[in-house]
């Protein structure tokens, strides 16, 4: 009887985890579908944030340099938000290209 109960509990937990994962994926997908350019820019900013933290943890970047790069990324993020606010929540291809060039500048400074 206990084996059957254990399987039922495991099955219920697994089903719950799948439902949560599916719900999270649907929420992301809606933003990605409606704002693919913004999503791409923001994904890059998140990746750069992770890279900066990793460099500091590994002792390959000073905290002062990390603060400066985080500040540069914040400026890019705020510019992306301002652009989107002017365009009904979206950014144009030209604006995305401008933001990507700015992100490239920050990215080149990570891992030097």
C-alpha atoms as a PDB file:
ATOM      1  CA  UNK A   1       0.000   0.000   0.000  1.00  0.00           C
ATOM      2  CA  UNK A   2       2.843   2.427   0.821  1.00  0.00           C
ATOM      3  CA  UNK A   3       4.506   1.822  -2.541  1.00  0.00           C
ATOM      4  CA  UNK A   4       1.303   2.786  -4.318  1.00  0.00           C
ATOM      5  CA  UNK A   5       0.932   5.936  -2.175  1.00  0.00           C
ATOM      6  CA  UNK A   6       4.547   6.903  -2.856  1.00  0.00           C
ATOM      7  CA  UNK A   7       3.985   6.582  -6.602  1.00  0.00           C
ATOM      8  CA  UNK A   8       0.824   8.671  -6.360  1.00  0.00           C
ATOM      9  CA  UNK A   9       2.622  11.415  -4.427  1.00  0.00           C
ATOM     10  CA  UNK A  10       5.530  11.368  -6.875  1.00  0.00           C
ATOM     11  CA  UNK A  11       3.116  11.545  -9.796  1.00  0.00           C
ATOM     12  CA  UNK A  12       1.224  14.464  -8.237  1.00  0.00           C
ATOM     13  CA  UNK A  13       4.441  16.387  -7.542  1.00  0.00           C
ATOM     14  CA  UNK A  14       5.728  15.752 -11.057  1.00  0.00           C
ATOM     15  CA  UNK A  15       2.433  16.889 -12.581  1.00  0.00           C
ATOM     16  CA  UNK A  16       2.511  20.062 -10.483  1.00  0.00           C
ATOM     17  CA  UNK A  17       6.070  20.857 -11.568  1.00  0.00           C
ATOM     18  CA  UNK A  18       5.166  20.379 -15.218  1.00  0.00           C
ATOM     19  CA  UNK A  19       2.134  22.657 -14.830  1.00  0.00           C
ATOM     20  CA  UNK A  20       4.243  25.386 -13.199  1.00  0.00           C
ATOM     21  CA  UNK A  21       6.895  25.114 -15.910  1.00  0.00           C
ATOM     22  CA  UNK A  22       4.268  25.283 -18.654  1.00  0.00           C
ATOM     23  CA  UNK A  23       2.642  28.343 -17.078  1.00  0.00           C
ATOM     24  CA  UNK A  24       5.998  30.111 -16.810  1.00  0.00           C
ATOM     25  CA  UNK A  25       6.823  29.268 -20.407  1.00  0.00           C
ATOM     26  CA  UNK A  26       3.481  30.643 -21.607  1.00  0.00           C
ATOM     27  CA  UNK A  27       4.027  33.921 -19.734  1.00  0.00           C
ATOM     28  CA  UNK A  28       7.448  34.380 -21.325  1.00  0.00           C
ATOM     29  CA  UNK A  29       6.171  33.410 -24.731  1.00  0.00           C
ATOM     30  CA  UNK A  30       3.466  36.085 -24.685  1.00  0.00           C
ATOM     31  CA  UNK A  31       6.021  38.869 -24.036  1.00  0.00           C
ATOM     32  CA  UNK A  32       8.422  37.345 -26.554  1.00  0.00           C
ATOM     33  CA  UNK A  33       5.673  37.171 -29.175  1.00  0.00           C
ATOM     34  CA  UNK A  34       4.479  40.723 -28.564  1.00  0.00           C
ATOM     35  CA  UNK A  35       7.907  42.330 -28.069  1.00  0.00           C
ATOM     36  CA  UNK A  36      10.619  40.152 -29.650  1.00  0.00           C
ATOM     37  CA  UNK A  37      13.054  43.050 -30.071  1.00  0.00           C
ATOM     38  CA  UNK A  38      12.721  44.169 -26.459  1.00  0.00           C
ATOM     39  CA  UNK A  39      13.024  40.560 -25.318  1.00  0.00           C
ATOM     40  CA  UNK A  40      16.268  40.123 -27.274  1.00  0.00           C
ATOM     41  CA  UNK A  41      17.770  43.318 -25.828  1.00  0.00           C
ATOM     42  CA  UNK A  42      16.708  42.406 -22.280  1.00  0.00           C
ATOM     43  CA  UNK A  43      17.990  38.824 -22.631  1.00  0.00           C
ATOM     44  CA  UNK A  44      21.400  40.218 -23.593  1.00  0.00           C
ATOM     45  CA  UNK A  45      21.375  42.563 -20.595  1.00  0.00           C
ATOM     46  CA  UNK A  46      20.590  39.633 -18.288  1.00  0.00           C
ATOM     47  CA  UNK A  47      23.371  37.578 -19.850  1.00  0.00           C
ATOM     48  CA  UNK A  48      25.851  40.426 -19.431  1.00  0.00           C
ATOM     49  CA  UNK A  49      24.800  40.768 -15.798  1.00  0.00           C
ATOM     50  CA  UNK A  50      25.556  37.069 -15.231  1.00  0.00           C
ATOM     51  CA  UNK A  51      28.912  37.399 -17.007  1.00  0.00           C
ATOM     52  CA  UNK A  52      29.898  40.415 -14.881  1.00  0.00           C
ATOM     53  CA  UNK A  53      28.989  38.590 -11.658  1.00  0.00           C
ATOM     54  CA  UNK A  54      30.974  35.558 -12.796  1.00  0.00           C
ATOM     55  CA  UNK A  55      34.043  37.677 -13.574  1.00  0.00           C
ATOM     56  CA  UNK A  56      33.911  39.255 -10.093  1.00  0.00           C
ATOM     57  CA  UNK A  57      33.460  35.858  -8.406  1.00  0.00           C
ATOM     58  CA  UNK A  58      36.447  34.487 -10.306  1.00  0.00           C
ATOM     59  CA  UNK A  59      38.559  37.492  -9.317  1.00  0.00           C
ATOM     60  CA  UNK A  60      38.986  38.490 -12.951  1.00  0.00           C
ATOM     61  CA  UNK A  61      37.201  41.837 -12.550  1.00  0.00           C
ATOM     62  CA  UNK A  62      37.303  44.406  -9.776  1.00  0.00           C
ATOM     63  CA  UNK A  63      34.116  45.416  -8.009  1.00  0.00           C
ATOM     64  CA  UNK A  64      34.715  48.977  -9.190  1.00  0.00           C
ATOM     65  CA  UNK A  65      34.813  47.890 -12.831  1.00  0.00           C
ATOM     66  CA  UNK A  66      31.720  45.717 -12.276  1.00  0.00           C
ATOM     67  CA  UNK A  67      29.844  48.717 -10.839  1.00  0.00           C
ATOM     68  CA  UNK A  68      30.759  50.784 -13.883  1.00  0.00           C
ATOM     69  CA  UNK A  69      29.613  48.064 -16.304  1.00  0.00           C
ATOM     70  CA  UNK A  70      26.373  47.541 -14.350  1.00  0.00           C
ATOM     71  CA  UNK A  71      25.813  51.303 -14.546  1.00  0.00           C
ATOM     72  CA  UNK A  72      26.358  51.218 -18.321  1.00  0.00           C
ATOM     73  CA  UNK A  73      23.848  48.353 -18.612  1.00  0.00           C
ATOM     74  CA  UNK A  74      21.321  50.270 -16.469  1.00  0.00           C
ATOM     75  CA  UNK A  75      21.597  53.216 -18.858  1.00  0.00           C
ATOM     76  CA  UNK A  76      20.935  50.886 -21.796  1.00  0.00           C
ATOM     77  CA  UNK A  77      17.938  49.361 -19.989  1.00  0.00           C
ATOM     78  CA  UNK A  78      16.488  52.793 -19.195  1.00  0.00           C
ATOM     79  CA  UNK A  79      16.983  53.892 -22.790  1.00  0.00           C
ATOM     80  CA  UNK A  80      15.187  50.742 -23.979  1.00  0.00           C
ATOM     81  CA  UNK A  81      12.291  51.537 -21.633  1.00  0.00           C
ATOM     82  CA  UNK A  82      12.091  55.151 -22.839  1.00  0.00           C
ATOM     83  CA  UNK A  83      12.104  54.024 -26.470  1.00  0.00           C
ATOM     84  CA  UNK A  84       9.324  51.527 -25.783  1.00  0.00           C
ATOM     85  CA  UNK A  85       7.260  54.131 -23.922  1.00  0.00           C
ATOM     86  CA  UNK A  86       7.408  56.424 -26.964  1.00  0.00           C
ATOM     87  CA  UNK A  87       6.329  53.619 -29.322  1.00  0.00           C
ATOM     88  CA  UNK A  88       3.387  52.044 -27.529  1.00  0.00           C
ATOM     89  CA  UNK A  89       5.478  49.405 -25.759  1.00  0.00           C
ATOM     90  CA  UNK A  90       7.609  48.303 -28.713  1.00  0.00           C
ATOM     91  CA  UNK A  91      10.975  49.327 -30.110  1.00  0.00           C
ATOM     92  CA  UNK A  92      11.848  49.689 -33.785  1.00  0.00           C
ATOM     93  CA  UNK A  93      14.500  47.656 -35.582  1.00  0.00           C
ATOM     94  CA  UNK A  94      16.715  50.759 -35.718  1.00  0.00           C
ATOM     95  CA  UNK A  95      16.333  51.279 -31.965  1.00  0.00           C
ATOM     96  CA  UNK A  96      17.157  47.612 -31.350  1.00  0.00           C
ATOM     97  CA  UNK A  97      20.293  47.974 -33.490  1.00  0.00           C
ATOM     98  CA  UNK A  98      21.341  51.077 -31.534  1.00  0.00           C
ATOM     99  CA  UNK A  99      20.837  49.277 -28.211  1.00  0.00           C
ATOM    100  CA  UNK A 100      22.725  46.220 -29.490  1.00  0.00           C
ATOM    101  CA  UNK A 101      25.694  48.388 -30.481  1.00  0.00           C
ATOM    102  CA  UNK A 102      25.719  49.837 -26.956  1.00  0.00           C
ATOM    103  CA  UNK A 103      25.513  46.324 -25.493  1.00  0.00           C
ATOM    104  CA  UNK A 104      28.401  45.250 -27.739  1.00  0.00           C
ATOM    105  CA  UNK A 105      30.534  47.993 -26.207  1.00  0.00           C
ATOM    106  CA  UNK A 106      29.828  46.753 -22.686  1.00  0.00           C
ATOM    107  CA  UNK A 107      30.230  43.115 -23.728  1.00  0.00           C
ATOM    108  CA  UNK A 108      33.722  43.752 -25.117  1.00  0.00           C
ATOM    109  CA  UNK A 109      34.777  45.045 -21.689  1.00  0.00           C
ATOM    110  CA  UNK A 110      33.701  41.840 -19.930  1.00  0.00           C
ATOM    111  CA  UNK A 111      36.362  39.161 -19.818  1.00  0.00           C
ATOM    112  CA  UNK A 112      39.261  41.363 -20.896  1.00  0.00           C
END
